[in-house]
Amino acid sequence: MIAVIVVCVLVTMFVLVLSLITINKGYAYQHTVDPLPSKNNKENQETNDEEKK
């Protein structure tokens, strides 16, 4: 009976450690953001849209 409890505790600890590693990697991920389009680029898109009409 004690062997079953020891195995259950070991499995629980193993799952806990894996969960903490996964959470840690998730928080360490570096997100990137695309830069805002420049004003000149926006004006070029507007003239291209007018030409399509």
PDB file of N, CA and C in Angstrom:
ATOM      1  N   MET A   1       0.822  -1.199   0.000  1.00  0.00           N
ATOM      2  CA  MET A   1       0.000   0.000   0.000  1.00  0.00           C
ATOM      3  C   MET A   1       0.867   1.264   0.000  1.00  0.00           C
ATOM      4  N   ILE A   2       1.936   1.240   0.745  1.00  0.00           N
ATOM      5  CA  ILE A   2       2.825   2.401   0.803  1.00  0.00           C
ATOM      6  C   ILE A   2       3.484   2.623  -0.559  1.00  0.00           C
ATOM      7  N   ALA A   3       3.765   1.539  -1.276  1.00  0.00           N
ATOM      8  CA  ALA A   3       4.385   1.660  -2.592  1.00  0.00           C
ATOM      9  C   ALA A   3       3.463   2.403  -3.557  1.00  0.00           C
ATOM     10  N   VAL A   4       2.196   2.172  -3.485  1.00  0.00           N
ATOM     11  CA  VAL A   4       1.220   2.848  -4.341  1.00  0.00           C
ATOM     12  C   VAL A   4       1.212   4.344  -4.039  1.00  0.00           C
ATOM     13  N   ILE A   5       1.233   4.696  -2.765  1.00  0.00           N
ATOM     14  CA  ILE A   5       1.234   6.109  -2.374  1.00  0.00           C
ATOM     15  C   ILE A   5       2.515   6.786  -2.853  1.00  0.00           C
ATOM     16  N   VAL A   6       3.649   6.105  -2.729  1.00  0.00           N
ATOM     17  CA  VAL A   6       4.928   6.667  -3.172  1.00  0.00           C
ATOM     18  C   VAL A   6       4.911   6.889  -4.683  1.00  0.00           C
ATOM     19  N   VAL A   7       4.398   5.944  -5.434  1.00  0.00           N
ATOM     20  CA  VAL A   7       4.316   6.081  -6.895  1.00  0.00           C
ATOM     21  C   VAL A   7       3.388   7.233  -7.266  1.00  0.00           C
ATOM     22  N   CYS A   8       2.269   7.360  -6.580  1.00  0.00           N
ATOM     23  CA  CYS A   8       1.328   8.451  -6.861  1.00  0.00           C
ATOM     24  C   CYS A   8       1.973   9.807  -6.577  1.00  0.00           C
ATOM     25  N   VAL A   9       2.707   9.910  -5.474  1.00  0.00           N
ATOM     26  CA  VAL A   9       3.377  11.169  -5.143  1.00  0.00           C
ATOM     27  C   VAL A   9       4.440  11.486  -6.185  1.00  0.00           C
ATOM     28  N   LEU A  10       5.197  10.489  -6.614  1.00  0.00           N
ATOM     29  CA  LEU A  10       6.229  10.712  -7.636  1.00  0.00           C
ATOM     30  C   LEU A  10       5.619  11.166  -8.966  1.00  0.00           C
ATOM     31  N   VAL A  11       4.529  10.545  -9.370  1.00  0.00           N
ATOM     32  CA  VAL A  11       3.866  10.940 -10.618  1.00  0.00           C
ATOM     33  C   VAL A  11       3.320  12.359 -10.496  1.00  0.00           C
ATOM     34  N   THR A  12       2.733  12.696  -9.352  1.00  0.00           N
ATOM     35  CA  THR A  12       2.207  14.035  -9.129  1.00  0.00           C
ATOM     36  C   THR A  12       3.321  15.074  -9.182  1.00  0.00           C
ATOM     37  N   MET A  13       4.449  14.782  -8.550  1.00  0.00           N
ATOM     38  CA  MET A  13       5.586  15.709  -8.578  1.00  0.00           C
ATOM     39  C   MET A  13       6.123  15.872 -10.003  1.00  0.00           C
ATOM     40  N   PHE A  14       6.170  14.769 -10.756  1.00  0.00           N
ATOM     41  CA  PHE A  14       6.645  14.827 -12.139  1.00  0.00           C
ATOM     42  C   PHE A  14       5.737  15.712 -12.986  1.00  0.00           C
ATOM     43  N   VAL A  15       4.432  15.561 -12.835  1.00  0.00           N
ATOM     44  CA  VAL A  15       3.477  16.381 -13.588  1.00  0.00           C
ATOM     45  C   VAL A  15       3.594  17.847 -13.176  1.00  0.00           C
ATOM     46  N   LEU A  16       3.782  18.110 -11.898  1.00  0.00           N
ATOM     47  CA  LEU A  16       3.933  19.475 -11.413  1.00  0.00           C
ATOM     48  C   LEU A  16       5.173  20.133 -12.010  1.00  0.00           C
ATOM     49  N   VAL A  17       6.287  19.405 -12.027  1.00  0.00           N
ATOM     50  CA  VAL A  17       7.521  19.954 -12.598  1.00  0.00           C
ATOM     51  C   VAL A  17       7.348  20.233 -14.087  1.00  0.00           C
ATOM     52  N   LEU A  18       6.744  19.318 -14.827  1.00  0.00           N
ATOM     53  CA  LEU A  18       6.512  19.553 -16.253  1.00  0.00           C
ATOM     54  C   LEU A  18       5.596  20.758 -16.484  1.00  0.00           C
ATOM     55  N   SER A  19       4.585  20.921 -15.643  1.00  0.00           N
ATOM     56  CA  SER A  19       3.682  22.068 -15.770  1.00  0.00           C
ATOM     57  C   SER A  19       4.428  23.378 -15.534  1.00  0.00           C
ATOM     58  N   LEU A  20       5.278  23.408 -14.515  1.00  0.00           N
ATOM     59  CA  LEU A  20       6.043  24.616 -14.225  1.00  0.00           C
ATOM     60  C   LEU A  20       7.020  24.950 -15.351  1.00  0.00           C
ATOM     61  N   ILE A  21       7.636  23.940 -15.933  1.00  0.00           N
ATOM     62  CA  ILE A  21       8.550  24.171 -17.063  1.00  0.00           C
ATOM     63  C   ILE A  21       7.782  24.752 -18.248  1.00  0.00           C
ATOM     64  N   THR A  22       6.608  24.192 -18.528  1.00  0.00           N
ATOM     65  CA  THR A  22       5.803  24.673 -19.655  1.00  0.00           C
ATOM     66  C   THR A  22       5.350  26.117 -19.432  1.00  0.00           C
ATOM     67  N   ILE A  23       4.900  26.435 -18.231  1.00  0.00           N
ATOM     68  CA  ILE A  23       4.467  27.802 -17.923  1.00  0.00           C
ATOM     69  C   ILE A  23       5.643  28.770 -18.043  1.00  0.00           C
ATOM     70  N   ASN A  24       6.804  28.349 -17.568  1.00  0.00           N
ATOM     71  CA  ASN A  24       7.993  29.187 -17.629  1.00  0.00           C
ATOM     72  C   ASN A  24       8.377  29.489 -19.081  1.00  0.00           C
ATOM     73  N   LYS A  25       8.317  28.491 -19.949  1.00  0.00           N
ATOM     74  CA  LYS A  25       8.633  28.710 -21.364  1.00  0.00           C
ATOM     75  C   LYS A  25       7.613  29.633 -22.015  1.00  0.00           C
ATOM     76  N   GLY A  26       6.351  29.520 -21.609  1.00  0.00           N
ATOM     77  CA  GLY A  26       5.314  30.384 -22.159  1.00  0.00           C
ATOM     78  C   GLY A  26       5.534  31.843 -21.802  1.00  0.00           C
ATOM     79  N   TYR A  27       5.914  32.107 -20.566  1.00  0.00           N
ATOM     80  CA  TYR A  27       6.167  33.486 -20.149  1.00  0.00           C
ATOM     81  C   TYR A  27       7.451  34.031 -20.756  1.00  0.00           C
ATOM     82  N   ALA A  28       8.390  33.165 -21.111  1.00  0.00           N
ATOM     83  CA  ALA A  28       9.673  33.614 -21.661  1.00  0.00           C
ATOM     84  C   ALA A  28       9.570  33.918 -23.156  1.00  0.00           C
ATOM     85  N   TYR A  29       8.464  33.549 -23.804  1.00  0.00           N
ATOM     86  CA  TYR A  29       8.323  33.753 -25.241  1.00  0.00           C
ATOM     87  C   TYR A  29       8.310  35.246 -25.556  1.00  0.00           C
ATOM     88  N   GLN A  30       9.114  35.651 -26.528  1.00  0.00           N
ATOM     89  CA  GLN A  30       9.201  37.059 -26.930  1.00  0.00           C
ATOM     90  C   GLN A  30       8.235  37.321 -28.087  1.00  0.00           C
ATOM     91  N   HIS A  31       7.187  38.073 -27.833  1.00  0.00           N
ATOM     92  CA  HIS A  31       6.223  38.429 -28.872  1.00  0.00           C
ATOM     93  C   HIS A  31       6.772  39.583 -29.701  1.00  0.00           C
ATOM     94  N   THR A  32       6.443  39.582 -30.972  1.00  0.00           N
ATOM     95  CA  THR A  32       6.867  40.681 -31.838  1.00  0.00           C
ATOM     96  C   THR A  32       5.636  41.409 -32.361  1.00  0.00           C
ATOM     97  N   VAL A  33       5.827  42.684 -32.643  1.00  0.00           N
ATOM     98  CA  VAL A  33       4.748  43.523 -33.151  1.00  0.00           C
ATOM     99  C   VAL A  33       5.227  44.144 -34.453  1.00  0.00           C
ATOM    100  N   ASP A  34       4.390  44.083 -35.482  1.00  0.00           N
ATOM    101  CA  ASP A  34       4.742  44.707 -36.750  1.00  0.00           C
ATOM    102  C   ASP A  34       4.775  46.221 -36.586  1.00  0.00           C
ATOM    103  N   PRO A  35       5.706  46.886 -37.251  1.00  0.00           N
ATOM    104  CA  PRO A  35       5.761  48.346 -37.129  1.00  0.00           C
ATOM    105  C   PRO A  35       4.551  48.994 -37.804  1.00  0.00           C
ATOM    106  N   LEU A  36       4.207  50.177 -37.330  1.00  0.00           N
ATOM    107  CA  LEU A  36       3.101  50.906 -37.936  1.00  0.00           C
ATOM    108  C   LEU A  36       3.506  51.353 -39.336  1.00  0.00           C
ATOM    109  N   PRO A  37       2.572  51.347 -40.274  1.00  0.00           N
ATOM    110  CA  PRO A  37       2.917  51.819 -41.619  1.00  0.00           C
ATOM    111  C   PRO A  37       3.257  53.311 -41.594  1.00  0.00           C
ATOM    112  N   SER A  38       4.192  53.689 -42.436  1.00  0.00           N
ATOM    113  CA  SER A  38       4.590  55.097 -42.471  1.00  0.00           C
ATOM    114  C   SER A  38       3.513  55.938 -43.156  1.00  0.00           C
ATOM    115  N   LYS A  39       3.599  57.251 -43.011  1.00  0.00           N
ATOM    116  CA  LYS A  39       2.620  58.154 -43.601  1.00  0.00           C
ATOM    117  C   LYS A  39       2.683  58.074 -45.120  1.00  0.00           C
ATOM    118  N   ASN A  40       3.899  57.999 -45.685  1.00  0.00           N
ATOM    119  CA  ASN A  40       4.051  57.897 -47.137  1.00  0.00           C
ATOM    120  C   ASN A  40       3.417  56.618 -47.662  1.00  0.00           C
ATOM    121  N   ASN A  41       3.575  55.550 -46.948  1.00  0.00           N
ATOM    122  CA  ASN A  41       3.001  54.274 -47.367  1.00  0.00           C
ATOM    123  C   ASN A  41       1.482  54.354 -47.378  1.00  0.00           C
ATOM    124  N   LYS A  42       0.900  55.040 -46.401  1.00  0.00           N
ATOM    125  CA  LYS A  42      -0.550  55.188 -46.344  1.00  0.00           C
ATOM    126  C   LYS A  42      -1.061  56.021 -47.521  1.00  0.00           C
ATOM    127  N   GLU A  43      -0.358  57.084 -47.869  1.00  0.00           N
ATOM    128  CA  GLU A  43      -0.759  57.915 -48.999  1.00  0.00           C
ATOM    129  C   GLU A  43      -0.678  57.128 -50.299  1.00  0.00           C
ATOM    130  N   ASN A  44       0.338  56.296 -50.445  1.00  0.00           N
ATOM    131  CA  ASN A  44       0.469  55.474 -51.647  1.00  0.00           C
ATOM    132  C   ASN A  44      -0.680  54.477 -51.760  1.00  0.00           C
ATOM    133  N   GLN A  45      -1.110  53.924 -50.638  1.00  0.00           N
ATOM    134  CA  GLN A  45      -2.223  52.982 -50.671  1.00  0.00           C
ATOM    135  C   GLN A  45      -3.505  53.692 -51.065  1.00  0.00           C
ATOM    136  N   GLU A  46      -3.703  54.913 -50.593  1.00  0.00           N
ATOM    137  CA  GLU A  46      -4.918  55.653 -50.938  1.00  0.00           C
ATOM    138  C   GLU A  46      -4.953  55.965 -52.433  1.00  0.00           C
ATOM    139  N   THR A  47      -3.817  56.351 -53.017  1.00  0.00           N
ATOM    140  CA  THR A  47      -3.805  56.651 -54.448  1.00  0.00           C
ATOM    141  C   THR A  47      -3.992  55.379 -55.255  1.00  0.00           C
ATOM    142  N   ASN A  48      -3.486  54.267 -54.773  1.00  0.00           N
ATOM    143  CA  ASN A  48      -3.679  53.005 -55.488  1.00  0.00           C
ATOM    144  C   ASN A  48      -5.156  52.593 -55.436  1.00  0.00           C
ATOM    145  N   ASP A  49      -5.803  52.841 -54.301  1.00  0.00           N
ATOM    146  CA  ASP A  49      -7.215  52.510 -54.172  1.00  0.00           C
ATOM    147  C   ASP A  49      -8.052  53.364 -55.116  1.00  0.00           C
ATOM    148  N   GLU A  50      -7.708  54.638 -55.261  1.00  0.00           N
ATOM    149  CA  GLU A  50      -8.451  55.523 -56.170  1.00  0.00           C
ATOM    150  C   GLU A  50      -8.242  55.098 -57.613  1.00  0.00           C
ATOM    151  N   GLU A  51      -7.063  54.638 -57.972  1.00  0.00           N
ATOM    152  CA  GLU A  51      -6.782  54.217 -59.344  1.00  0.00           C
ATOM    153  C   GLU A  51      -7.567  52.954 -59.696  1.00  0.00           C
ATOM    154  N   LYS A  52      -7.838  52.119 -58.725  1.00  0.00           N
ATOM    155  CA  LYS A  52      -8.573  50.862 -58.971  1.00  0.00           C
ATOM    156  C   LYS A  52     -10.029  51.136 -59.285  1.00  0.00           C
ATOM    157  N   LYS A  53     -10.553  52.268 -58.821  1.00  0.00           N
ATOM    158  CA  LYS A  53     -11.984  52.577 -59.030  1.00  0.00           C
ATOM    159  C   LYS A  53     -12.199  52.974 -60.414  1.00  0.00           C
TER     160      LYS A  53
END
